[in-house]
């Protein structure tokens, strides 16, 4: 039996060539994926996922409900090894999840490379935490938005106006509350309180006023009508205390969903 020995320098060259070939085979994000990544960053949500992993945080930075009725969510993971991103599809009925893509940049995570099927995650894993956070929070938000949108569509059918996203829905809600559409909004976000309780917080200004923007909040999930559900900063201690407790405190802790206006 004969043994042949390959010099170390040859092995190193072969390894280097393998790495180069592997890198060349990795697809690069398309223009569409880059544009989508820019939009996600611009409209970034910021909802912390409770998960016990040392020196690591997980946040939901984007989500939507797809045409199949399942949630899609982009997760940002920040740990000792750096920042990475992953996109998932979640079925809240079966409490299952699958990867749609992942990478060390948002663009790479948006490249569609799905796992073949949804699986129920291991209890206590990061995937389990993602499913729990998405289903406990967004199911509530979307159920309320869907219910309210049905009512709004009935009211507006003659005008052929359909508030088909959260931005238009919130503008319409505030129009109904304030009795006017002559306002501008900025720094608007949704706070997820106890189950069944969702608040809109932000700043509002009358377009014809020189007074500038004032902070406001309103209960989005109020079921007994929209009257008296809207509070704007009147300079009182009462408003300041309520705004901090319901809005600012959750904003500071990262428990909110931003709404681009």
C-alpha atoms as a PDB file:
ATOM      1  CA  UNK A   1       0.000   0.000   0.000  1.00  0.00           C
ATOM      2  CA  UNK A   2       1.350   3.387  -0.980  1.00  0.00           C
ATOM      3  CA  UNK A   3       0.535   6.772   0.555  1.00  0.00           C
ATOM      4  CA  UNK A   4       0.997  10.035  -1.258  1.00  0.00           C
ATOM      5  CA  UNK A   5       1.510  13.256   0.666  1.00  0.00           C
ATOM      6  CA  UNK A   6       0.255  16.567  -0.697  1.00  0.00           C
ATOM      7  CA  UNK A   7       2.349  19.587   0.283  1.00  0.00           C
ATOM      8  CA  UNK A   8       0.584  22.015   2.663  1.00  0.00           C
ATOM      9  CA  UNK A   9       0.936  24.918   0.222  1.00  0.00           C
ATOM     10  CA  UNK A  10      -1.017  22.913  -2.384  1.00  0.00           C
ATOM     11  CA  UNK A  11      -3.789  22.145   0.126  1.00  0.00           C
ATOM     12  CA  UNK A  12      -4.024  25.832   1.022  1.00  0.00           C
ATOM     13  CA  UNK A  13      -4.329  26.805  -2.654  1.00  0.00           C
ATOM     14  CA  UNK A  14      -7.039  24.191  -3.201  1.00  0.00           C
ATOM     15  CA  UNK A  15      -8.978  25.427  -0.167  1.00  0.00           C
ATOM     16  CA  UNK A  16      -8.692  29.018  -1.344  1.00  0.00           C
ATOM     17  CA  UNK A  17     -10.003  28.002  -4.769  1.00  0.00           C
ATOM     18  CA  UNK A  18     -12.953  26.172  -3.166  1.00  0.00           C
ATOM     19  CA  UNK A  19     -13.864  29.292  -1.192  1.00  0.00           C
ATOM     20  CA  UNK A  20     -13.670  31.489  -4.297  1.00  0.00           C
ATOM     21  CA  UNK A  21     -15.855  29.077  -6.276  1.00  0.00           C
ATOM     22  CA  UNK A  22     -18.357  28.874  -3.418  1.00  0.00           C
ATOM     23  CA  UNK A  23     -18.521  32.686  -3.204  1.00  0.00           C
ATOM     24  CA  UNK A  24     -19.052  32.924  -6.956  1.00  0.00           C
ATOM     25  CA  UNK A  25     -22.024  30.557  -6.697  1.00  0.00           C
ATOM     26  CA  UNK A  26     -23.799  32.689  -4.077  1.00  0.00           C
ATOM     27  CA  UNK A  27     -26.538  34.714  -5.824  1.00  0.00           C
ATOM     28  CA  UNK A  28     -26.557  38.463  -5.246  1.00  0.00           C
ATOM     29  CA  UNK A  29     -29.668  40.460  -4.315  1.00  0.00           C
ATOM     30  CA  UNK A  30     -31.625  41.821  -7.257  1.00  0.00           C
ATOM     31  CA  UNK A  31     -32.553  45.484  -7.692  1.00  0.00           C
ATOM     32  CA  UNK A  32     -36.084  44.630  -6.566  1.00  0.00           C
ATOM     33  CA  UNK A  33     -34.781  43.031  -3.367  1.00  0.00           C
ATOM     34  CA  UNK A  34     -32.516  46.020  -2.692  1.00  0.00           C
ATOM     35  CA  UNK A  35     -35.454  48.399  -3.184  1.00  0.00           C
ATOM     36  CA  UNK A  36     -37.601  46.297  -0.853  1.00  0.00           C
ATOM     37  CA  UNK A  37     -34.834  46.368   1.781  1.00  0.00           C
ATOM     38  CA  UNK A  38     -34.699  50.166   1.562  1.00  0.00           C
ATOM     39  CA  UNK A  39     -38.471  50.346   2.056  1.00  0.00           C
ATOM     40  CA  UNK A  40     -38.304  48.049   5.097  1.00  0.00           C
ATOM     41  CA  UNK A  41     -35.583  50.222   6.630  1.00  0.00           C
ATOM     42  CA  UNK A  42     -37.576  53.372   5.893  1.00  0.00           C
ATOM     43  CA  UNK A  43     -40.838  52.030   7.381  1.00  0.00           C
ATOM     44  CA  UNK A  44     -39.088  49.992  10.061  1.00  0.00           C
ATOM     45  CA  UNK A  45     -41.179  48.514  12.848  1.00  0.00           C
ATOM     46  CA  UNK A  46     -39.590  47.892  16.193  1.00  0.00           C
ATOM     47  CA  UNK A  47     -41.203  45.174  18.293  1.00  0.00           C
ATOM     48  CA  UNK A  48     -38.990  43.297  20.744  1.00  0.00           C
ATOM     49  CA  UNK A  49     -39.334  39.508  20.817  1.00  0.00           C
ATOM     50  CA  UNK A  50     -39.046  38.200  24.399  1.00  0.00           C
ATOM     51  CA  UNK A  51     -36.407  35.466  24.283  1.00  0.00           C
ATOM     52  CA  UNK A  52     -33.835  34.430  26.860  1.00  0.00           C
ATOM     53  CA  UNK A  53     -30.556  34.336  24.935  1.00  0.00           C
ATOM     54  CA  UNK A  54     -27.476  35.941  26.539  1.00  0.00           C
ATOM     55  CA  UNK A  55     -26.288  39.221  24.985  1.00  0.00           C
ATOM     56  CA  UNK A  56     -28.771  38.853  22.119  1.00  0.00           C
ATOM     57  CA  UNK A  57     -31.915  40.723  21.117  1.00  0.00           C
ATOM     58  CA  UNK A  58     -34.537  39.836  18.531  1.00  0.00           C
ATOM     59  CA  UNK A  59     -36.862  42.412  16.972  1.00  0.00           C
ATOM     60  CA  UNK A  60     -39.634  42.261  14.409  1.00  0.00           C
ATOM     61  CA  UNK A  61     -38.867  45.065  11.956  1.00  0.00           C
ATOM     62  CA  UNK A  62     -41.548  44.319   9.335  1.00  0.00           C
ATOM     63  CA  UNK A  63     -44.627  42.145   8.962  1.00  0.00           C
ATOM     64  CA  UNK A  64     -47.664  41.620   6.770  1.00  0.00           C
ATOM     65  CA  UNK A  65     -50.475  39.151   6.223  1.00  0.00           C
ATOM     66  CA  UNK A  66     -50.057  37.431   2.852  1.00  0.00           C
ATOM     67  CA  UNK A  67     -52.661  36.261   0.361  1.00  0.00           C
ATOM     68  CA  UNK A  68     -52.755  32.818   2.010  1.00  0.00           C
ATOM     69  CA  UNK A  69     -53.778  34.375   5.331  1.00  0.00           C
ATOM     70  CA  UNK A  70     -50.391  33.624   6.900  1.00  0.00           C
ATOM     71  CA  UNK A  71     -48.086  36.174   8.478  1.00  0.00           C
ATOM     72  CA  UNK A  72     -44.695  37.072   7.055  1.00  0.00           C
ATOM     73  CA  UNK A  73     -42.170  38.747   9.351  1.00  0.00           C
ATOM     74  CA  UNK A  74     -38.609  40.004   9.076  1.00  0.00           C
ATOM     75  CA  UNK A  75     -36.502  39.518  12.202  1.00  0.00           C
ATOM     76  CA  UNK A  76     -33.412  41.476  13.164  1.00  0.00           C
ATOM     77  CA  UNK A  77     -31.026  39.608  15.468  1.00  0.00           C
ATOM     78  CA  UNK A  78     -28.280  41.542  17.242  1.00  0.00           C
ATOM     79  CA  UNK A  79     -25.726  39.493  19.181  1.00  0.00           C
ATOM     80  CA  UNK A  80     -22.039  39.204  20.007  1.00  0.00           C
ATOM     81  CA  UNK A  81     -21.352  37.875  16.492  1.00  0.00           C
ATOM     82  CA  UNK A  82     -23.015  40.877  14.840  1.00  0.00           C
ATOM     83  CA  UNK A  83     -26.362  41.665  13.202  1.00  0.00           C
ATOM     84  CA  UNK A  84     -28.271  39.256  10.986  1.00  0.00           C
ATOM     85  CA  UNK A  85     -31.717  39.122   9.407  1.00  0.00           C
ATOM     86  CA  UNK A  86     -34.254  36.430   8.606  1.00  0.00           C
ATOM     87  CA  UNK A  87     -37.641  36.359   6.919  1.00  0.00           C
ATOM     88  CA  UNK A  88     -40.279  33.877   8.064  1.00  0.00           C
ATOM     89  CA  UNK A  89     -43.762  32.670   7.239  1.00  0.00           C
ATOM     90  CA  UNK A  90     -45.942  31.923  10.277  1.00  0.00           C
ATOM     91  CA  UNK A  91     -49.216  30.013  10.557  1.00  0.00           C
ATOM     92  CA  UNK A  92     -50.888  31.031  13.823  1.00  0.00           C
ATOM     93  CA  UNK A  93     -53.558  28.314  13.571  1.00  0.00           C
ATOM     94  CA  UNK A  94     -50.989  25.510  13.633  1.00  0.00           C
ATOM     95  CA  UNK A  95     -48.339  27.566  15.531  1.00  0.00           C
ATOM     96  CA  UNK A  96     -45.822  26.657  12.818  1.00  0.00           C
ATOM     97  CA  UNK A  97     -43.071  28.547  11.009  1.00  0.00           C
ATOM     98  CA  UNK A  98     -40.616  28.295   8.125  1.00  0.00           C
ATOM     99  CA  UNK A  99     -37.695  30.284   6.778  1.00  0.00           C
ATOM    100  CA  UNK A 100     -38.221  32.313   3.602  1.00  0.00           C
ATOM    101  CA  UNK A 101     -34.670  33.667   3.602  1.00  0.00           C
ATOM    102  CA  UNK A 102     -31.826  34.809   5.839  1.00  0.00           C
ATOM    103  CA  UNK A 103     -28.473  36.556   5.695  1.00  0.00           C
ATOM    104  CA  UNK A 104     -26.082  39.022   7.276  1.00  0.00           C
ATOM    105  CA  UNK A 105     -27.785  41.855   5.369  1.00  0.00           C
ATOM    106  CA  UNK A 106     -31.431  42.721   4.901  1.00  0.00           C
ATOM    107  CA  UNK A 107     -31.071  42.369   1.123  1.00  0.00           C
ATOM    108  CA  UNK A 108     -29.844  38.773   1.456  1.00  0.00           C
ATOM    109  CA  UNK A 109     -32.670  37.895   3.854  1.00  0.00           C
ATOM    110  CA  UNK A 110     -35.183  39.105   1.261  1.00  0.00           C
ATOM    111  CA  UNK A 111     -33.879  36.702  -1.390  1.00  0.00           C
ATOM    112  CA  UNK A 112     -36.599  34.061  -1.647  1.00  0.00           C
ATOM    113  CA  UNK A 113     -35.083  30.741  -0.513  1.00  0.00           C
ATOM    114  CA  UNK A 114     -37.912  29.068   1.398  1.00  0.00           C
ATOM    115  CA  UNK A 115     -37.796  25.916   3.490  1.00  0.00           C
ATOM    116  CA  UNK A 116     -40.002  23.227   1.945  1.00  0.00           C
ATOM    117  CA  UNK A 117     -42.648  23.229   4.688  1.00  0.00           C
ATOM    118  CA  UNK A 118     -43.833  24.829   7.910  1.00  0.00           C
ATOM    119  CA  UNK A 119     -42.802  23.118  11.145  1.00  0.00           C
ATOM    120  CA  UNK A 120     -43.798  23.488  14.800  1.00  0.00           C
ATOM    121  CA  UNK A 121     -40.717  24.971  16.520  1.00  0.00           C
ATOM    122  CA  UNK A 122     -39.018  23.527  19.569  1.00  0.00           C
ATOM    123  CA  UNK A 123     -40.453  25.013  22.737  1.00  0.00           C
ATOM    124  CA  UNK A 124     -38.210  27.745  24.123  1.00  0.00           C
ATOM    125  CA  UNK A 125     -36.312  28.244  20.862  1.00  0.00           C
ATOM    126  CA  UNK A 126     -35.982  31.583  19.078  1.00  0.00           C
ATOM    127  CA  UNK A 127     -38.396  30.321  16.402  1.00  0.00           C
ATOM    128  CA  UNK A 128     -40.920  29.523  19.137  1.00  0.00           C
ATOM    129  CA  UNK A 129     -40.519  33.060  20.507  1.00  0.00           C
ATOM    130  CA  UNK A 130     -41.095  34.499  17.016  1.00  0.00           C
ATOM    131  CA  UNK A 131     -44.310  32.508  16.552  1.00  0.00           C
ATOM    132  CA  UNK A 132     -45.613  33.492  19.998  1.00  0.00           C
ATOM    133  CA  UNK A 133     -44.848  37.195  19.498  1.00  0.00           C
ATOM    134  CA  UNK A 134     -46.288  37.396  15.984  1.00  0.00           C
ATOM    135  CA  UNK A 135     -49.461  35.482  16.802  1.00  0.00           C
ATOM    136  CA  UNK A 136     -50.190  37.110  20.166  1.00  0.00           C
ATOM    137  CA  UNK A 137     -49.692  40.661  18.871  1.00  0.00           C
ATOM    138  CA  UNK A 138     -50.487  40.842  15.170  1.00  0.00           C
ATOM    139  CA  UNK A 139     -53.523  38.580  15.255  1.00  0.00           C
ATOM    140  CA  UNK A 140     -55.114  41.073  17.645  1.00  0.00           C
ATOM    141  CA  UNK A 141     -54.104  44.104  15.583  1.00  0.00           C
ATOM    142  CA  UNK A 142     -55.287  42.653  12.277  1.00  0.00           C
ATOM    143  CA  UNK A 143     -58.556  41.322  13.715  1.00  0.00           C
ATOM    144  CA  UNK A 144     -59.411  44.792  14.990  1.00  0.00           C
ATOM    145  CA  UNK A 145     -58.297  46.522  11.796  1.00  0.00           C
ATOM    146  CA  UNK A 146     -60.266  44.055   9.661  1.00  0.00           C
ATOM    147  CA  UNK A 147     -63.381  44.523  11.793  1.00  0.00           C
ATOM    148  CA  UNK A 148     -63.124  48.314  11.700  1.00  0.00           C
ATOM    149  CA  UNK A 149     -62.377  48.329   7.977  1.00  0.00           C
ATOM    150  CA  UNK A 150     -65.586  46.381   7.311  1.00  0.00           C
ATOM    151  CA  UNK A 151     -67.559  49.089   9.127  1.00  0.00           C
ATOM    152  CA  UNK A 152     -65.696  51.875   7.360  1.00  0.00           C
ATOM    153  CA  UNK A 153     -66.183  50.308   3.942  1.00  0.00           C
ATOM    154  CA  UNK A 154     -69.912  50.059   4.590  1.00  0.00           C
ATOM    155  CA  UNK A 155     -70.014  53.757   5.496  1.00  0.00           C
ATOM    156  CA  UNK A 156     -67.955  54.859   2.517  1.00  0.00           C
ATOM    157  CA  UNK A 157     -69.310  52.593  -0.206  1.00  0.00           C
ATOM    158  CA  UNK A 158     -71.113  55.486  -1.903  1.00  0.00           C
ATOM    159  CA  UNK A 159     -67.912  57.499  -2.014  1.00  0.00           C
ATOM    160  CA  UNK A 160     -65.944  54.537  -3.302  1.00  0.00           C
ATOM    161  CA  UNK A 161     -63.209  55.195  -0.758  1.00  0.00           C
ATOM    162  CA  UNK A 162     -61.447  52.203   0.748  1.00  0.00           C
ATOM    163  CA  UNK A 163     -58.840  52.704   3.496  1.00  0.00           C
ATOM    164  CA  UNK A 164     -56.869  49.639   2.491  1.00  0.00           C
ATOM    165  CA  UNK A 165     -53.853  50.004   4.727  1.00  0.00           C
ATOM    166  CA  UNK A 166     -53.027  51.077   8.258  1.00  0.00           C
ATOM    167  CA  UNK A 167     -52.014  54.591   7.254  1.00  0.00           C
ATOM    168  CA  UNK A 168     -55.310  55.363   5.536  1.00  0.00           C
ATOM    169  CA  UNK A 169     -57.241  53.604   8.292  1.00  0.00           C
ATOM    170  CA  UNK A 170     -55.616  55.729  11.005  1.00  0.00           C
ATOM    171  CA  UNK A 171     -56.151  58.953   9.055  1.00  0.00           C
ATOM    172  CA  UNK A 172     -59.809  58.049   8.610  1.00  0.00           C
ATOM    173  CA  UNK A 173     -60.186  57.128  12.292  1.00  0.00           C
ATOM    174  CA  UNK A 174     -58.716  60.462  13.397  1.00  0.00           C
ATOM    175  CA  UNK A 175     -60.861  62.317  10.869  1.00  0.00           C
ATOM    176  CA  UNK A 176     -63.954  60.756  12.414  1.00  0.00           C
ATOM    177  CA  UNK A 177     -62.798  61.525  15.942  1.00  0.00           C
ATOM    178  CA  UNK A 178     -61.742  65.116  15.314  1.00  0.00           C
ATOM    179  CA  UNK A 179     -64.555  65.938  12.894  1.00  0.00           C
ATOM    180  CA  UNK A 180     -62.085  67.242  10.322  1.00  0.00           C
ATOM    181  CA  UNK A 181     -59.571  66.037   7.763  1.00  0.00           C
ATOM    182  CA  UNK A 182     -57.619  69.279   7.972  1.00  0.00           C
ATOM    183  CA  UNK A 183     -54.668  67.860   9.903  1.00  0.00           C
ATOM    184  CA  UNK A 184     -51.146  66.553   9.442  1.00  0.00           C
ATOM    185  CA  UNK A 185     -49.554  63.644  11.301  1.00  0.00           C
ATOM    186  CA  UNK A 186     -46.010  62.616  12.201  1.00  0.00           C
ATOM    187  CA  UNK A 187     -44.190  60.151  14.467  1.00  0.00           C
ATOM    188  CA  UNK A 188     -47.258  57.904  14.549  1.00  0.00           C
ATOM    189  CA  UNK A 189     -47.012  54.454  16.123  1.00  0.00           C
ATOM    190  CA  UNK A 190     -49.228  51.680  17.465  1.00  0.00           C
ATOM    191  CA  UNK A 191     -48.811  50.452  21.020  1.00  0.00           C
ATOM    192  CA  UNK A 192     -49.883  46.919  21.851  1.00  0.00           C
ATOM    193  CA  UNK A 193     -51.292  46.879  25.370  1.00  0.00           C
ATOM    194  CA  UNK A 194     -53.101  44.126  27.193  1.00  0.00           C
ATOM    195  CA  UNK A 195     -55.008  41.677  24.909  1.00  0.00           C
ATOM    196  CA  UNK A 196     -57.703  43.536  23.004  1.00  0.00           C
ATOM    197  CA  UNK A 197     -56.213  46.980  23.713  1.00  0.00           C
ATOM    198  CA  UNK A 198     -54.378  48.911  21.005  1.00  0.00           C
ATOM    199  CA  UNK A 199     -53.495  52.600  21.095  1.00  0.00           C
ATOM    200  CA  UNK A 200     -52.466  54.996  18.334  1.00  0.00           C
ATOM    201  CA  UNK A 201     -49.917  57.555  19.544  1.00  0.00           C
ATOM    202  CA  UNK A 202     -48.146  60.374  17.754  1.00  0.00           C
ATOM    203  CA  UNK A 203     -48.236  64.056  16.898  1.00  0.00           C
ATOM    204  CA  UNK A 204     -50.991  65.966  15.116  1.00  0.00           C
ATOM    205  CA  UNK A 205     -51.305  69.527  13.784  1.00  0.00           C
ATOM    206  CA  UNK A 206     -54.065  71.601  12.244  1.00  0.00           C
ATOM    207  CA  UNK A 207     -52.951  72.542   8.731  1.00  0.00           C
ATOM    208  CA  UNK A 208     -54.294  76.083   9.161  1.00  0.00           C
ATOM    209  CA  UNK A 209     -52.750  76.627  12.582  1.00  0.00           C
ATOM    210  CA  UNK A 210     -49.380  78.129  13.444  1.00  0.00           C
ATOM    211  CA  UNK A 211     -49.272  76.321  16.779  1.00  0.00           C
ATOM    212  CA  UNK A 212     -47.359  73.340  15.395  1.00  0.00           C
ATOM    213  CA  UNK A 213     -47.673  69.694  16.390  1.00  0.00           C
ATOM    214  CA  UNK A 214     -49.156  68.370  19.627  1.00  0.00           C
ATOM    215  CA  UNK A 215     -48.935  64.861  21.028  1.00  0.00           C
ATOM    216  CA  UNK A 216     -52.086  62.743  21.007  1.00  0.00           C
ATOM    217  CA  UNK A 217     -53.293  59.209  21.673  1.00  0.00           C
ATOM    218  CA  UNK A 218     -56.480  57.316  20.962  1.00  0.00           C
ATOM    219  CA  UNK A 219     -57.824  53.857  21.722  1.00  0.00           C
ATOM    220  CA  UNK A 220     -57.950  51.993  18.416  1.00  0.00           C
ATOM    221  CA  UNK A 221     -59.685  48.957  19.930  1.00  0.00           C
ATOM    222  CA  UNK A 222     -62.542  50.854  21.585  1.00  0.00           C
ATOM    223  CA  UNK A 223     -65.683  48.902  20.738  1.00  0.00           C
ATOM    224  CA  UNK A 224     -68.292  51.353  22.010  1.00  0.00           C
ATOM    225  CA  UNK A 225     -67.751  53.979  19.331  1.00  0.00           C
ATOM    226  CA  UNK A 226     -65.016  56.450  18.534  1.00  0.00           C
ATOM    227  CA  UNK A 227     -66.463  59.406  20.441  1.00  0.00           C
ATOM    228  CA  UNK A 228     -64.430  60.587  23.461  1.00  0.00           C
ATOM    229  CA  UNK A 229     -61.650  58.147  22.529  1.00  0.00           C
ATOM    230  CA  UNK A 230     -59.221  60.873  21.438  1.00  0.00           C
ATOM    231  CA  UNK A 231     -56.984  62.930  23.735  1.00  0.00           C
ATOM    232  CA  UNK A 232     -54.673  65.710  22.603  1.00  0.00           C
ATOM    233  CA  UNK A 233     -52.040  67.442  24.701  1.00  0.00           C
ATOM    234  CA  UNK A 234     -53.691  70.213  26.679  1.00  0.00           C
ATOM    235  CA  UNK A 235     -50.648  70.924  28.811  1.00  0.00           C
ATOM    236  CA  UNK A 236     -52.123  69.184  31.837  1.00  0.00           C
ATOM    237  CA  UNK A 237     -50.331  66.796  34.171  1.00  0.00           C
ATOM    238  CA  UNK A 238     -53.120  64.288  33.552  1.00  0.00           C
ATOM    239  CA  UNK A 239     -52.367  64.091  29.819  1.00  0.00           C
ATOM    240  CA  UNK A 240     -48.601  63.933  30.411  1.00  0.00           C
ATOM    241  CA  UNK A 241     -48.980  61.028  32.849  1.00  0.00           C
ATOM    242  CA  UNK A 242     -51.332  59.078  30.548  1.00  0.00           C
ATOM    243  CA  UNK A 243     -49.213  59.710  27.452  1.00  0.00           C
ATOM    244  CA  UNK A 244     -46.064  58.541  29.199  1.00  0.00           C
ATOM    245  CA  UNK A 245     -47.726  55.406  30.600  1.00  0.00           C
ATOM    246  CA  UNK A 246     -49.479  54.362  27.388  1.00  0.00           C
ATOM    247  CA  UNK A 247     -47.183  55.703  24.668  1.00  0.00           C
ATOM    248  CA  UNK A 248     -43.750  56.998  25.633  1.00  0.00           C
ATOM    249  CA  UNK A 249     -42.907  54.188  28.045  1.00  0.00           C
ATOM    250  CA  UNK A 250     -43.696  51.539  25.401  1.00  0.00           C
ATOM    251  CA  UNK A 251     -41.776  53.534  22.786  1.00  0.00           C
ATOM    252  CA  UNK A 252     -38.726  53.640  25.079  1.00  0.00           C
ATOM    253  CA  UNK A 253     -38.928  49.876  25.622  1.00  0.00           C
ATOM    254  CA  UNK A 254     -39.280  49.096  21.910  1.00  0.00           C
ATOM    255  CA  UNK A 255     -42.845  47.764  22.208  1.00  0.00           C
ATOM    256  CA  UNK A 256     -44.435  49.528  19.269  1.00  0.00           C
ATOM    257  CA  UNK A 257     -45.165  49.387  15.548  1.00  0.00           C
ATOM    258  CA  UNK A 258     -44.273  52.474  13.541  1.00  0.00           C
ATOM    259  CA  UNK A 259     -46.751  53.767  10.946  1.00  0.00           C
ATOM    260  CA  UNK A 260     -45.131  55.785   8.123  1.00  0.00           C
ATOM    261  CA  UNK A 261     -47.060  58.955   7.362  1.00  0.00           C
END
